[in-house]
Amino acid sequence: MTIETIFQIFIEAVAATSLMTLFSYAVSAAAREVYKEPLLLTYVMSFLRIEVSLNVKSILAWVVHYLIGILFVIGYHVIWNNDIMEISWLTALILGICIGSIGIAGWMILFSLVPKKPAIDYKGYYIQLFIAHLIFSATAFKVYLLFNWP
């Protein structure tokens, strides 16, 4: 993997994760619910036996959130650069549906690990999370095209 590819993956992941997160924050504000993934990750971490301050847990939550975005974008690159799926809006939609489903399953598992569940509207959270992953996928696709335009 070249330094250019690493840079591209980083830019794609930051752009896609940031837009997805902005969407979650906007829906959170509009619905007056806590749908903010980094905040919910911090909440989950507060129940795990991680002996660091709440501030450090908050920072870790943001880092984990962006690292997951990087992993998804690496997956997109493997799929697109090895011709597993064509590079298209349809593929971006399919990948968004896949990672949206993975995201929902991941959060269900995380919430099952904590003894006290956060007081949120779970149906609303999962719906916005799914849509947020479609936004992630569309953004990753568009930035990928910017780097790989013939």
C-alpha atoms as a PDB file:
ATOM      1  CA  MET A   1       0.000   0.000   0.000  1.00  0.00           C
ATOM      2  CA  THR A   2       1.449   3.324  -1.053  1.00  0.00           C
ATOM      3  CA  ILE A   3       1.598   6.482   1.047  1.00  0.00           C
ATOM      4  CA  GLU A   4      -0.881   8.027  -1.416  1.00  0.00           C
ATOM      5  CA  THR A   5      -3.379   5.224  -0.766  1.00  0.00           C
ATOM      6  CA  ILE A   6      -2.955   5.567   2.998  1.00  0.00           C
ATOM      7  CA  PHE A   7      -3.539   9.319   2.686  1.00  0.00           C
ATOM      8  CA  GLN A   8      -6.598   8.715   0.495  1.00  0.00           C
ATOM      9  CA  ILE A   9      -8.075   6.207   2.963  1.00  0.00           C
ATOM     10  CA  PHE A  10      -7.473   8.636   5.827  1.00  0.00           C
ATOM     11  CA  ILE A  11      -9.147  11.545   3.995  1.00  0.00           C
ATOM     12  CA  GLU A  12     -12.095   9.380   2.918  1.00  0.00           C
ATOM     13  CA  ALA A  13     -12.583   8.038   6.436  1.00  0.00           C
ATOM     14  CA  VAL A  14     -12.352  11.449   8.098  1.00  0.00           C
ATOM     15  CA  ALA A  15     -14.787  12.991   5.594  1.00  0.00           C
ATOM     16  CA  ALA A  16     -17.266  10.100   5.758  1.00  0.00           C
ATOM     17  CA  THR A  17     -17.126   9.702   9.545  1.00  0.00           C
ATOM     18  CA  SER A  18     -17.398  13.453  10.088  1.00  0.00           C
ATOM     19  CA  LEU A  19     -20.471  13.843   7.850  1.00  0.00           C
ATOM     20  CA  MET A  20     -22.082  10.802   9.416  1.00  0.00           C
ATOM     21  CA  THR A  21     -21.419  12.214  12.876  1.00  0.00           C
ATOM     22  CA  LEU A  22     -22.752  15.649  11.927  1.00  0.00           C
ATOM     23  CA  PHE A  23     -25.946  13.957  10.766  1.00  0.00           C
ATOM     24  CA  SER A  24     -26.226  12.061  14.063  1.00  0.00           C
ATOM     25  CA  TYR A  25     -25.703  15.262  16.032  1.00  0.00           C
ATOM     26  CA  ALA A  26     -28.331  17.092  13.942  1.00  0.00           C
ATOM     27  CA  VAL A  27     -30.897  14.310  14.387  1.00  0.00           C
ATOM     28  CA  SER A  28     -30.023  14.146  18.078  1.00  0.00           C
ATOM     29  CA  ALA A  29     -30.751  17.862  18.448  1.00  0.00           C
ATOM     30  CA  ALA A  30     -33.930  17.735  16.348  1.00  0.00           C
ATOM     31  CA  ALA A  31     -35.309  14.693  18.187  1.00  0.00           C
ATOM     32  CA  ARG A  32     -34.026  15.884  21.577  1.00  0.00           C
ATOM     33  CA  GLU A  33     -32.420  12.489  22.062  1.00  0.00           C
ATOM     34  CA  VAL A  34     -28.868  11.339  22.652  1.00  0.00           C
ATOM     35  CA  TYR A  35     -27.959   9.792  19.302  1.00  0.00           C
ATOM     36  CA  LYS A  36     -24.326  10.925  19.401  1.00  0.00           C
ATOM     37  CA  GLU A  37     -22.125   7.876  18.838  1.00  0.00           C
ATOM     38  CA  PRO A  38     -19.012   9.192  20.639  1.00  0.00           C
ATOM     39  CA  LEU A  39     -21.120  10.161  23.668  1.00  0.00           C
ATOM     40  CA  LEU A  40     -22.803   6.749  23.705  1.00  0.00           C
ATOM     41  CA  LEU A  41     -19.402   5.052  23.378  1.00  0.00           C
ATOM     42  CA  THR A  42     -18.204   7.068  26.372  1.00  0.00           C
ATOM     43  CA  TYR A  43     -21.309   5.914  28.263  1.00  0.00           C
ATOM     44  CA  VAL A  44     -20.598   2.257  27.452  1.00  0.00           C
ATOM     45  CA  MET A  45     -16.925   2.687  28.408  1.00  0.00           C
ATOM     46  CA  SER A  46     -17.978   4.091  31.779  1.00  0.00           C
ATOM     47  CA  PHE A  47     -19.312   0.625  32.666  1.00  0.00           C
ATOM     48  CA  LEU A  48     -16.267  -1.258  31.425  1.00  0.00           C
ATOM     49  CA  ARG A  49     -13.278  -1.718  33.669  1.00  0.00           C
ATOM     50  CA  ILE A  50     -11.165   0.883  31.937  1.00  0.00           C
ATOM     51  CA  GLU A  51      -9.390   2.772  34.707  1.00  0.00           C
ATOM     52  CA  VAL A  52      -9.012   6.217  33.152  1.00  0.00           C
ATOM     53  CA  SER A  53     -10.756   9.530  33.672  1.00  0.00           C
ATOM     54  CA  LEU A  54     -14.053  10.351  32.000  1.00  0.00           C
ATOM     55  CA  ASN A  55     -12.222  12.888  29.833  1.00  0.00           C
ATOM     56  CA  VAL A  56      -9.820  10.197  28.582  1.00  0.00           C
ATOM     57  CA  LYS A  57     -12.768   7.851  27.938  1.00  0.00           C
ATOM     58  CA  SER A  58     -14.393  10.590  25.872  1.00  0.00           C
ATOM     59  CA  ILE A  59     -11.222  11.005  23.812  1.00  0.00           C
ATOM     60  CA  LEU A  60     -10.948   7.225  23.406  1.00  0.00           C
ATOM     61  CA  ALA A  61     -14.558   7.112  22.222  1.00  0.00           C
ATOM     62  CA  TRP A  62     -13.824   9.641  19.469  1.00  0.00           C
ATOM     63  CA  VAL A  63     -10.668   7.733  18.461  1.00  0.00           C
ATOM     64  CA  VAL A  64     -12.558   4.423  18.337  1.00  0.00           C
ATOM     65  CA  HIS A  65     -15.346   6.064  16.315  1.00  0.00           C
ATOM     66  CA  TYR A  66     -12.895   7.304  13.666  1.00  0.00           C
ATOM     67  CA  LEU A  67     -10.875   4.056  13.677  1.00  0.00           C
ATOM     68  CA  ILE A  68     -14.038   2.130  12.844  1.00  0.00           C
ATOM     69  CA  GLY A  69     -14.582   4.561   9.963  1.00  0.00           C
ATOM     70  CA  ILE A  70     -11.049   3.870   8.743  1.00  0.00           C
ATOM     71  CA  LEU A  71     -11.677   0.108   8.897  1.00  0.00           C
ATOM     72  CA  PHE A  72     -14.857   0.446   6.846  1.00  0.00           C
ATOM     73  CA  VAL A  73     -13.070   2.567   4.227  1.00  0.00           C
ATOM     74  CA  ILE A  74     -10.240   0.020   4.034  1.00  0.00           C
ATOM     75  CA  GLY A  75     -12.924  -2.582   3.337  1.00  0.00           C
ATOM     76  CA  TYR A  76     -14.350  -0.392   0.573  1.00  0.00           C
ATOM     77  CA  HIS A  77     -10.884  -0.090  -0.977  1.00  0.00           C
ATOM     78  CA  VAL A  78     -10.368  -3.851  -0.904  1.00  0.00           C
ATOM     79  CA  ILE A  79     -13.747  -4.355  -2.582  1.00  0.00           C
ATOM     80  CA  TRP A  80     -13.301  -1.652  -5.216  1.00  0.00           C
ATOM     81  CA  ASN A  81      -9.589  -2.051  -5.977  1.00  0.00           C
ATOM     82  CA  ASN A  82      -9.876  -5.833  -6.376  1.00  0.00           C
ATOM     83  CA  ASP A  83     -12.959  -5.613  -8.617  1.00  0.00           C
ATOM     84  CA  ILE A  84     -15.086  -7.543  -6.115  1.00  0.00           C
ATOM     85  CA  MET A  85     -17.883  -5.054  -6.767  1.00  0.00           C
ATOM     86  CA  GLU A  86     -18.038  -2.295  -9.353  1.00  0.00           C
ATOM     87  CA  ILE A  87     -17.380   1.272  -8.305  1.00  0.00           C
ATOM     88  CA  SER A  88     -20.869   2.789  -8.499  1.00  0.00           C
ATOM     89  CA  TRP A  89     -23.586   4.536  -6.528  1.00  0.00           C
ATOM     90  CA  LEU A  90     -25.444   1.215  -6.339  1.00  0.00           C
ATOM     91  CA  THR A  91     -22.432  -0.461  -4.759  1.00  0.00           C
ATOM     92  CA  ALA A  92     -22.062   2.452  -2.340  1.00  0.00           C
ATOM     93  CA  LEU A  93     -25.724   1.985  -1.382  1.00  0.00           C
ATOM     94  CA  ILE A  94     -25.272  -1.771  -0.908  1.00  0.00           C
ATOM     95  CA  LEU A  95     -22.155  -1.208   1.208  1.00  0.00           C
ATOM     96  CA  GLY A  96     -24.013   1.441   3.218  1.00  0.00           C
ATOM     97  CA  ILE A  97     -26.817  -1.032   3.907  1.00  0.00           C
ATOM     98  CA  CYS A  98     -24.233  -3.631   4.980  1.00  0.00           C
ATOM     99  CA  ILE A  99     -22.307  -1.344   7.320  1.00  0.00           C
ATOM    100  CA  GLY A 100     -25.544   0.163   8.630  1.00  0.00           C
ATOM    101  CA  SER A 101     -26.660  -3.339   9.597  1.00  0.00           C
ATOM    102  CA  ILE A 102     -23.243  -4.051  11.124  1.00  0.00           C
ATOM    103  CA  GLY A 103     -23.440  -0.772  13.044  1.00  0.00           C
ATOM    104  CA  ILE A 104     -26.867  -1.598  14.466  1.00  0.00           C
ATOM    105  CA  ALA A 105     -25.741  -5.104  15.465  1.00  0.00           C
ATOM    106  CA  GLY A 106     -22.593  -3.658  17.054  1.00  0.00           C
ATOM    107  CA  TRP A 107     -24.576  -1.173  19.125  1.00  0.00           C
ATOM    108  CA  MET A 108     -27.025  -3.866  20.212  1.00  0.00           C
ATOM    109  CA  ILE A 109     -24.070  -5.894  21.476  1.00  0.00           C
ATOM    110  CA  LEU A 110     -22.494  -2.870  23.191  1.00  0.00           C
ATOM    111  CA  PHE A 111     -25.756  -1.943  24.916  1.00  0.00           C
ATOM    112  CA  SER A 112     -26.136  -5.550  26.095  1.00  0.00           C
ATOM    113  CA  LEU A 113     -22.776  -5.264  27.892  1.00  0.00           C
ATOM    114  CA  VAL A 114     -23.853  -2.461  30.220  1.00  0.00           C
ATOM    115  CA  PRO A 115     -25.996  -3.111  33.298  1.00  0.00           C
ATOM    116  CA  LYS A 116     -27.890   0.180  32.939  1.00  0.00           C
ATOM    117  CA  LYS A 117     -29.057   0.921  29.413  1.00  0.00           C
ATOM    118  CA  PRO A 118     -29.030   4.561  28.285  1.00  0.00           C
ATOM    119  CA  ALA A 119     -32.452   6.202  28.330  1.00  0.00           C
ATOM    120  CA  ILE A 120     -32.844   6.688  24.582  1.00  0.00           C
ATOM    121  CA  ASP A 121     -35.429   5.881  21.944  1.00  0.00           C
ATOM    122  CA  TYR A 122     -33.732   2.772  20.542  1.00  0.00           C
ATOM    123  CA  LYS A 123     -35.925   2.489  17.444  1.00  0.00           C
ATOM    124  CA  GLY A 124     -35.220   6.121  16.578  1.00  0.00           C
ATOM    125  CA  TYR A 125     -31.527   5.636  17.307  1.00  0.00           C
ATOM    126  CA  TYR A 126     -31.210   2.602  15.059  1.00  0.00           C
ATOM    127  CA  ILE A 127     -33.124   4.282  12.221  1.00  0.00           C
ATOM    128  CA  GLN A 128     -30.890   7.369  12.318  1.00  0.00           C
ATOM    129  CA  LEU A 129     -27.804   5.149  12.685  1.00  0.00           C
ATOM    130  CA  PHE A 130     -28.764   3.240   9.547  1.00  0.00           C
ATOM    131  CA  ILE A 131     -29.283   6.466   7.589  1.00  0.00           C
ATOM    132  CA  ALA A 132     -26.004   7.836   8.994  1.00  0.00           C
ATOM    133  CA  HIS A 133     -24.186   4.829   7.529  1.00  0.00           C
ATOM    134  CA  LEU A 134     -25.765   5.477   4.134  1.00  0.00           C
ATOM    135  CA  ILE A 135     -24.378   9.026   4.387  1.00  0.00           C
ATOM    136  CA  PHE A 136     -20.994   7.581   5.392  1.00  0.00           C
ATOM    137  CA  SER A 137     -21.005   5.282   2.371  1.00  0.00           C
ATOM    138  CA  ALA A 138     -22.069   7.988  -0.088  1.00  0.00           C
ATOM    139  CA  THR A 139     -19.363  10.312   1.233  1.00  0.00           C
ATOM    140  CA  ALA A 140     -16.660   7.630   1.102  1.00  0.00           C
ATOM    141  CA  PHE A 141     -17.699   6.818  -2.475  1.00  0.00           C
ATOM    142  CA  LYS A 142     -17.676  10.451  -3.607  1.00  0.00           C
ATOM    143  CA  VAL A 143     -14.259  11.151  -2.048  1.00  0.00           C
ATOM    144  CA  TYR A 144     -12.942   7.894  -3.558  1.00  0.00           C
ATOM    145  CA  LEU A 145     -14.039   9.170  -6.977  1.00  0.00           C
ATOM    146  CA  LEU A 146     -12.295  12.496  -6.395  1.00  0.00           C
ATOM    147  CA  PHE A 147      -9.020  10.652  -5.820  1.00  0.00           C
ATOM    148  CA  ASN A 148      -9.514   8.126  -8.624  1.00  0.00           C
ATOM    149  CA  TRP A 149     -11.070  10.173 -11.403  1.00  0.00           C
ATOM    150  CA  PRO A 150      -9.500   9.149 -14.741  1.00  0.00           C
END
